[in-house]
N, C-alpha and C. Protein backbone atom coordinates (compact mmCIF):
# COMPACT_ATOMS: atom_id res chain seq x y z
N MET A 1 -64.76 66.88 -55.28
CA MET A 1 -64.20 65.59 -55.62
C MET A 1 -63.00 65.30 -54.71
N ALA A 2 -62.96 64.11 -54.13
CA ALA A 2 -61.90 63.74 -53.21
C ALA A 2 -60.58 63.56 -53.95
N GLU A 3 -59.51 63.97 -53.29
CA GLU A 3 -58.18 63.81 -53.86
C GLU A 3 -57.74 62.36 -53.74
N ILE A 4 -57.09 61.85 -54.77
CA ILE A 4 -56.60 60.47 -54.77
C ILE A 4 -55.33 60.40 -53.92
N LYS A 5 -55.30 59.45 -52.97
CA LYS A 5 -54.12 59.25 -52.14
C LYS A 5 -53.01 58.63 -52.99
N ARG A 6 -51.86 59.25 -52.95
CA ARG A 6 -50.71 58.74 -53.68
C ARG A 6 -49.93 57.77 -52.79
N PRO A 7 -49.29 56.77 -53.37
CA PRO A 7 -48.54 55.80 -52.57
C PRO A 7 -47.41 56.45 -51.77
N VAL A 8 -47.30 56.01 -50.52
CA VAL A 8 -46.26 56.47 -49.61
C VAL A 8 -45.61 55.23 -49.00
N ASN A 9 -44.29 55.21 -48.94
CA ASN A 9 -43.54 54.05 -48.47
C ASN A 9 -43.46 54.03 -46.94
N LEU A 10 -44.49 53.47 -46.30
CA LEU A 10 -44.57 53.43 -44.84
C LEU A 10 -44.56 52.02 -44.24
N TYR A 11 -44.69 51.00 -45.07
CA TYR A 11 -44.90 49.64 -44.57
C TYR A 11 -43.82 48.69 -45.11
N LYS A 12 -43.74 47.50 -44.54
CA LYS A 12 -42.73 46.53 -44.95
C LYS A 12 -43.05 45.85 -46.26
N ALA A 13 -44.35 45.64 -46.52
CA ALA A 13 -44.74 44.88 -47.72
C ALA A 13 -46.02 45.45 -48.31
N TYR A 14 -46.20 45.18 -49.62
CA TYR A 14 -47.33 45.73 -50.37
C TYR A 14 -47.79 44.74 -51.44
N HIS A 15 -49.01 44.97 -51.88
CA HIS A 15 -49.54 44.36 -53.10
C HIS A 15 -49.88 45.48 -54.06
N ALA A 16 -49.64 45.23 -55.33
CA ALA A 16 -50.16 46.08 -56.40
C ALA A 16 -51.09 45.19 -57.21
N HIS A 17 -52.34 45.58 -57.32
CA HIS A 17 -53.32 44.82 -58.10
C HIS A 17 -53.56 45.57 -59.39
N VAL A 18 -53.12 44.98 -60.48
CA VAL A 18 -53.30 45.58 -61.80
C VAL A 18 -54.67 45.15 -62.31
N TYR A 19 -55.55 46.12 -62.51
CA TYR A 19 -56.91 45.84 -62.97
C TYR A 19 -56.96 45.91 -64.50
N PHE A 20 -57.76 45.01 -65.07
CA PHE A 20 -57.88 44.98 -66.53
C PHE A 20 -59.22 44.39 -66.93
N ASP A 21 -59.52 44.49 -68.20
CA ASP A 21 -60.72 43.88 -68.77
C ASP A 21 -60.32 43.19 -70.07
N LYS A 22 -61.31 42.75 -70.83
CA LYS A 22 -61.04 42.00 -72.06
C LYS A 22 -60.16 42.80 -73.02
N GLU A 23 -60.43 44.09 -73.13
CA GLU A 23 -59.70 44.94 -74.07
C GLU A 23 -58.28 45.25 -73.60
N SER A 24 -58.07 45.29 -72.30
CA SER A 24 -56.75 45.69 -71.78
C SER A 24 -55.94 44.52 -71.23
N ARG A 25 -56.42 43.30 -71.41
CA ARG A 25 -55.75 42.15 -70.80
C ARG A 25 -54.32 41.94 -71.29
N LEU A 26 -54.06 42.16 -72.58
CA LEU A 26 -52.71 41.96 -73.09
C LEU A 26 -51.74 43.00 -72.53
N ALA A 27 -52.19 44.24 -72.43
CA ALA A 27 -51.36 45.30 -71.86
C ALA A 27 -51.07 44.99 -70.39
N ALA A 28 -52.06 44.51 -69.66
CA ALA A 28 -51.87 44.17 -68.24
C ALA A 28 -50.91 43.00 -68.09
N LYS A 29 -51.06 42.00 -68.92
CA LYS A 29 -50.19 40.83 -68.85
C LYS A 29 -48.74 41.24 -69.12
N LYS A 30 -48.54 42.07 -70.11
CA LYS A 30 -47.19 42.55 -70.44
C LYS A 30 -46.61 43.35 -69.27
N LEU A 31 -47.41 44.24 -68.69
CA LEU A 31 -46.96 45.05 -67.57
C LEU A 31 -46.53 44.17 -66.39
N CYS A 32 -47.35 43.20 -66.05
CA CYS A 32 -47.05 42.32 -64.92
C CYS A 32 -45.79 41.49 -65.18
N GLN A 33 -45.66 40.96 -66.38
CA GLN A 33 -44.46 40.18 -66.72
C GLN A 33 -43.21 41.04 -66.64
N GLU A 34 -43.28 42.26 -67.18
CA GLU A 34 -42.14 43.16 -67.13
C GLU A 34 -41.77 43.53 -65.70
N ALA A 35 -42.78 43.77 -64.86
CA ALA A 35 -42.52 44.10 -63.46
C ALA A 35 -41.78 42.97 -62.76
N GLY A 36 -42.25 41.75 -62.99
CA GLY A 36 -41.60 40.59 -62.39
C GLY A 36 -40.16 40.44 -62.83
N GLU A 37 -39.92 40.61 -64.13
CA GLU A 37 -38.58 40.45 -64.67
C GLU A 37 -37.66 41.60 -64.25
N LYS A 38 -38.10 42.82 -64.39
CA LYS A 38 -37.26 44.00 -64.12
C LYS A 38 -36.91 44.15 -62.65
N PHE A 39 -37.86 43.86 -61.76
CA PHE A 39 -37.66 44.10 -60.33
C PHE A 39 -37.51 42.81 -59.53
N GLY A 40 -37.63 41.65 -60.18
CA GLY A 40 -37.53 40.38 -59.47
C GLY A 40 -38.65 40.18 -58.47
N LEU A 41 -39.86 40.65 -58.84
CA LEU A 41 -41.00 40.59 -57.93
C LEU A 41 -41.86 39.36 -58.20
N LYS A 42 -42.58 38.94 -57.17
CA LYS A 42 -43.51 37.82 -57.31
C LYS A 42 -44.79 38.32 -57.97
N VAL A 43 -45.12 37.73 -59.11
CA VAL A 43 -46.34 38.07 -59.84
C VAL A 43 -47.30 36.91 -59.68
N GLY A 44 -48.50 37.22 -59.22
CA GLY A 44 -49.50 36.19 -58.98
C GLY A 44 -50.23 35.77 -60.24
N ARG A 45 -51.29 35.02 -60.04
CA ARG A 45 -52.11 34.55 -61.16
C ARG A 45 -52.78 35.71 -61.88
N PHE A 46 -53.05 35.48 -63.13
CA PHE A 46 -53.73 36.46 -63.98
C PHE A 46 -55.20 36.08 -63.97
N HIS A 47 -55.98 36.71 -63.09
CA HIS A 47 -57.38 36.33 -62.87
C HIS A 47 -58.31 37.01 -63.86
N GLU A 48 -58.92 36.23 -64.71
CA GLU A 48 -59.94 36.74 -65.64
C GLU A 48 -61.31 36.42 -65.05
N LYS A 49 -61.45 36.74 -63.78
CA LYS A 49 -62.69 36.61 -63.01
C LYS A 49 -62.51 37.50 -61.79
N LEU A 50 -63.58 37.74 -61.07
CA LEU A 50 -63.50 38.56 -59.87
C LEU A 50 -62.95 37.72 -58.72
N VAL A 51 -62.00 38.27 -57.99
CA VAL A 51 -61.36 37.57 -56.88
C VAL A 51 -61.30 38.51 -55.68
N GLY A 52 -61.65 38.00 -54.51
CA GLY A 52 -61.57 38.80 -53.29
C GLY A 52 -62.40 40.07 -53.39
N PRO A 53 -61.87 41.17 -52.90
CA PRO A 53 -62.62 42.43 -52.90
C PRO A 53 -62.54 43.20 -54.22
N HIS A 54 -61.86 42.62 -55.20
CA HIS A 54 -61.57 43.35 -56.44
C HIS A 54 -62.73 43.28 -57.43
N PRO A 55 -63.23 44.45 -57.86
CA PRO A 55 -64.39 44.51 -58.74
C PRO A 55 -64.03 44.38 -60.22
N CYS A 56 -62.78 44.06 -60.49
CA CYS A 56 -62.29 43.92 -61.86
C CYS A 56 -61.40 42.68 -61.93
N TRP A 57 -61.17 42.21 -63.13
CA TRP A 57 -60.16 41.19 -63.33
C TRP A 57 -58.84 41.79 -62.85
N SER A 58 -57.93 40.95 -62.34
CA SER A 58 -56.71 41.52 -61.78
C SER A 58 -55.55 40.54 -61.75
N CYS A 59 -54.38 41.12 -61.57
CA CYS A 59 -53.15 40.36 -61.34
C CYS A 59 -52.42 41.05 -60.20
N GLN A 60 -51.95 40.27 -59.25
CA GLN A 60 -51.32 40.80 -58.04
C GLN A 60 -49.79 40.74 -58.16
N ILE A 61 -49.14 41.83 -57.79
CA ILE A 61 -47.68 41.88 -57.72
C ILE A 61 -47.32 42.18 -56.27
N THR A 62 -46.47 41.33 -55.69
CA THR A 62 -46.04 41.51 -54.30
C THR A 62 -44.67 42.18 -54.30
N PHE A 63 -44.54 43.22 -53.47
CA PHE A 63 -43.25 43.90 -53.38
C PHE A 63 -43.05 44.44 -51.97
N GLY A 64 -41.84 44.84 -51.68
CA GLY A 64 -41.52 45.31 -50.33
C GLY A 64 -41.01 46.73 -50.30
N LYS A 65 -40.72 47.17 -49.10
CA LYS A 65 -40.26 48.52 -48.84
C LYS A 65 -39.03 48.87 -49.68
N LYS A 66 -38.12 47.90 -49.85
CA LYS A 66 -36.87 48.17 -50.57
C LYS A 66 -37.11 48.43 -52.06
N ASN A 67 -38.17 47.89 -52.65
CA ASN A 67 -38.47 48.10 -54.07
C ASN A 67 -39.38 49.30 -54.31
N PHE A 68 -40.00 49.79 -53.26
CA PHE A 68 -41.06 50.79 -53.39
C PHE A 68 -40.63 52.01 -54.21
N GLU A 69 -39.50 52.63 -53.83
CA GLU A 69 -39.09 53.90 -54.43
C GLU A 69 -38.75 53.80 -55.91
N SER A 70 -38.35 52.63 -56.38
CA SER A 70 -38.08 52.47 -57.81
C SER A 70 -39.28 51.86 -58.55
N PHE A 71 -39.99 50.96 -57.89
CA PHE A 71 -41.09 50.26 -58.55
C PHE A 71 -42.31 51.16 -58.78
N ILE A 72 -42.74 51.93 -57.79
CA ILE A 72 -43.96 52.74 -57.93
C ILE A 72 -43.83 53.77 -59.06
N PRO A 73 -42.75 54.55 -59.15
CA PRO A 73 -42.65 55.49 -60.28
C PRO A 73 -42.62 54.78 -61.63
N TRP A 74 -41.94 53.64 -61.69
CA TRP A 74 -41.91 52.86 -62.93
C TRP A 74 -43.32 52.40 -63.29
N LEU A 75 -44.03 51.89 -62.30
CA LEU A 75 -45.40 51.40 -62.50
C LEU A 75 -46.32 52.52 -62.97
N GLU A 76 -46.16 53.69 -62.39
CA GLU A 76 -46.99 54.84 -62.78
C GLU A 76 -46.79 55.19 -64.25
N VAL A 77 -45.57 55.17 -64.72
CA VAL A 77 -45.28 55.50 -66.12
C VAL A 77 -45.74 54.38 -67.05
N GLN A 78 -45.45 53.15 -66.68
CA GLN A 78 -45.70 52.00 -67.57
C GLN A 78 -47.17 51.56 -67.61
N ARG A 79 -47.97 51.97 -66.67
CA ARG A 79 -49.35 51.47 -66.57
C ARG A 79 -50.26 51.97 -67.69
N LYS A 80 -49.86 53.03 -68.35
CA LYS A 80 -50.66 53.67 -69.40
C LYS A 80 -52.04 54.01 -68.83
N ASN A 81 -53.11 53.41 -69.31
CA ASN A 81 -54.46 53.72 -68.81
C ASN A 81 -54.99 52.70 -67.80
N LEU A 82 -54.16 51.76 -67.40
CA LEU A 82 -54.61 50.75 -66.44
C LEU A 82 -54.74 51.36 -65.04
N THR A 83 -55.72 50.89 -64.31
CA THR A 83 -55.89 51.28 -62.91
C THR A 83 -55.17 50.25 -62.05
N ILE A 84 -54.44 50.74 -61.05
CA ILE A 84 -53.71 49.85 -60.16
C ILE A 84 -53.99 50.24 -58.71
N LEU A 85 -54.42 49.27 -57.95
CA LEU A 85 -54.61 49.42 -56.51
C LEU A 85 -53.32 49.00 -55.83
N VAL A 86 -52.78 49.87 -55.00
CA VAL A 86 -51.60 49.55 -54.19
C VAL A 86 -52.04 49.60 -52.74
N HIS A 87 -51.74 48.53 -51.99
CA HIS A 87 -52.10 48.55 -50.57
C HIS A 87 -51.03 47.87 -49.73
N ALA A 88 -50.97 48.29 -48.48
CA ALA A 88 -50.03 47.72 -47.52
C ALA A 88 -50.45 46.31 -47.15
N LEU A 89 -49.51 45.56 -46.64
CA LEU A 89 -49.77 44.22 -46.09
C LEU A 89 -49.38 44.27 -44.61
N THR A 90 -50.36 44.56 -43.77
CA THR A 90 -50.09 44.70 -42.34
C THR A 90 -50.63 43.54 -41.52
N GLY A 91 -51.43 42.68 -42.15
CA GLY A 91 -52.08 41.60 -41.42
C GLY A 91 -53.53 41.91 -41.10
N ASN A 92 -53.94 43.16 -41.30
CA ASN A 92 -55.34 43.54 -41.10
C ASN A 92 -55.93 43.83 -42.48
N ASP A 93 -56.60 42.83 -43.04
CA ASP A 93 -57.10 42.94 -44.42
C ASP A 93 -58.04 44.11 -44.63
N LEU A 94 -58.92 44.37 -43.68
CA LEU A 94 -59.86 45.48 -43.83
C LEU A 94 -59.11 46.81 -43.88
N GLN A 95 -58.21 47.03 -42.95
CA GLN A 95 -57.43 48.28 -42.96
C GLN A 95 -56.56 48.38 -44.22
N ASP A 96 -55.97 47.26 -44.61
CA ASP A 96 -55.11 47.27 -45.80
C ASP A 96 -55.88 47.71 -47.04
N HIS A 97 -57.17 47.37 -47.10
CA HIS A 97 -57.99 47.69 -48.28
C HIS A 97 -58.84 48.95 -48.10
N THR A 98 -58.66 49.66 -46.99
CA THR A 98 -59.40 50.91 -46.77
C THR A 98 -58.44 52.04 -46.40
N GLU A 99 -57.84 51.97 -45.24
CA GLU A 99 -56.95 53.03 -44.75
C GLU A 99 -55.60 53.06 -45.44
N PHE A 100 -55.06 51.88 -45.78
CA PHE A 100 -53.70 51.79 -46.32
C PHE A 100 -53.71 51.51 -47.82
N VAL A 101 -54.66 52.10 -48.52
CA VAL A 101 -54.82 51.88 -49.95
C VAL A 101 -54.45 53.14 -50.73
N TYR A 102 -53.82 52.94 -51.87
CA TYR A 102 -53.41 54.01 -52.78
C TYR A 102 -53.78 53.61 -54.19
N TRP A 103 -53.93 54.60 -55.06
CA TRP A 103 -54.35 54.33 -56.44
C TRP A 103 -53.39 54.94 -57.45
N LEU A 104 -53.12 54.18 -58.47
CA LEU A 104 -52.48 54.69 -59.68
C LEU A 104 -53.57 54.57 -60.74
N GLY A 105 -54.05 55.69 -61.21
CA GLY A 105 -55.18 55.67 -62.13
C GLY A 105 -56.47 55.96 -61.39
N GLN A 106 -57.56 55.66 -62.04
CA GLN A 106 -58.89 55.97 -61.52
C GLN A 106 -59.31 54.98 -60.43
N PRO A 107 -59.60 55.46 -59.21
CA PRO A 107 -60.05 54.56 -58.15
C PRO A 107 -61.38 53.89 -58.49
N VAL A 108 -61.57 52.70 -57.99
CA VAL A 108 -62.84 51.99 -58.13
C VAL A 108 -63.25 51.51 -56.73
N GLU A 109 -64.53 51.31 -56.55
CA GLU A 109 -65.03 50.86 -55.25
C GLU A 109 -64.78 49.37 -55.07
N LEU A 110 -64.16 49.02 -53.94
CA LEU A 110 -63.89 47.62 -53.63
C LEU A 110 -65.11 47.00 -52.94
N ASN A 111 -65.23 45.69 -53.04
CA ASN A 111 -66.27 44.94 -52.36
C ASN A 111 -65.72 44.52 -50.99
N LEU A 112 -65.96 45.34 -50.00
CA LEU A 112 -65.38 45.11 -48.67
C LEU A 112 -66.22 44.18 -47.80
N SER A 113 -67.36 43.72 -48.28
CA SER A 113 -68.26 42.89 -47.47
C SER A 113 -67.58 41.60 -47.01
N MET A 114 -66.63 41.10 -47.76
CA MET A 114 -65.96 39.86 -47.38
C MET A 114 -65.15 40.01 -46.10
N PHE A 115 -64.76 41.23 -45.74
CA PHE A 115 -63.98 41.48 -44.53
C PHE A 115 -64.84 41.63 -43.29
N ASN A 116 -66.16 41.71 -43.47
CA ASN A 116 -67.07 41.88 -42.36
C ASN A 116 -67.53 40.56 -41.76
N LYS A 117 -67.06 39.44 -42.32
CA LYS A 117 -67.47 38.14 -41.81
C LYS A 117 -66.69 37.82 -40.55
N ALA A 118 -67.40 37.33 -39.55
CA ALA A 118 -66.74 37.00 -38.27
C ALA A 118 -66.22 35.60 -38.26
């Protein structure tokens, strides 16, 4: 079994995608709201549909290098059983969602076909 890559603070900016379903939506909403308030982070829409390469409902939190060291450990503790995809924002979407991706919780397979369009 492959080892899960843990988040490492190497880039200027990141997204954290909090994945949820019908049963976990309230916990995810609370987590995202708390993250925004506690760290002053931009919290995106709460998508109760599939968006982009994400195979689950999700909410995106944008954060930077300066928040990384405090936000990631907090997120790990507060996430409970939620899976969270953390990835760099380098301008290369395919690399950001493959090479520069980290997981808090159980990894899931992303739909990368959208990045193969020319």
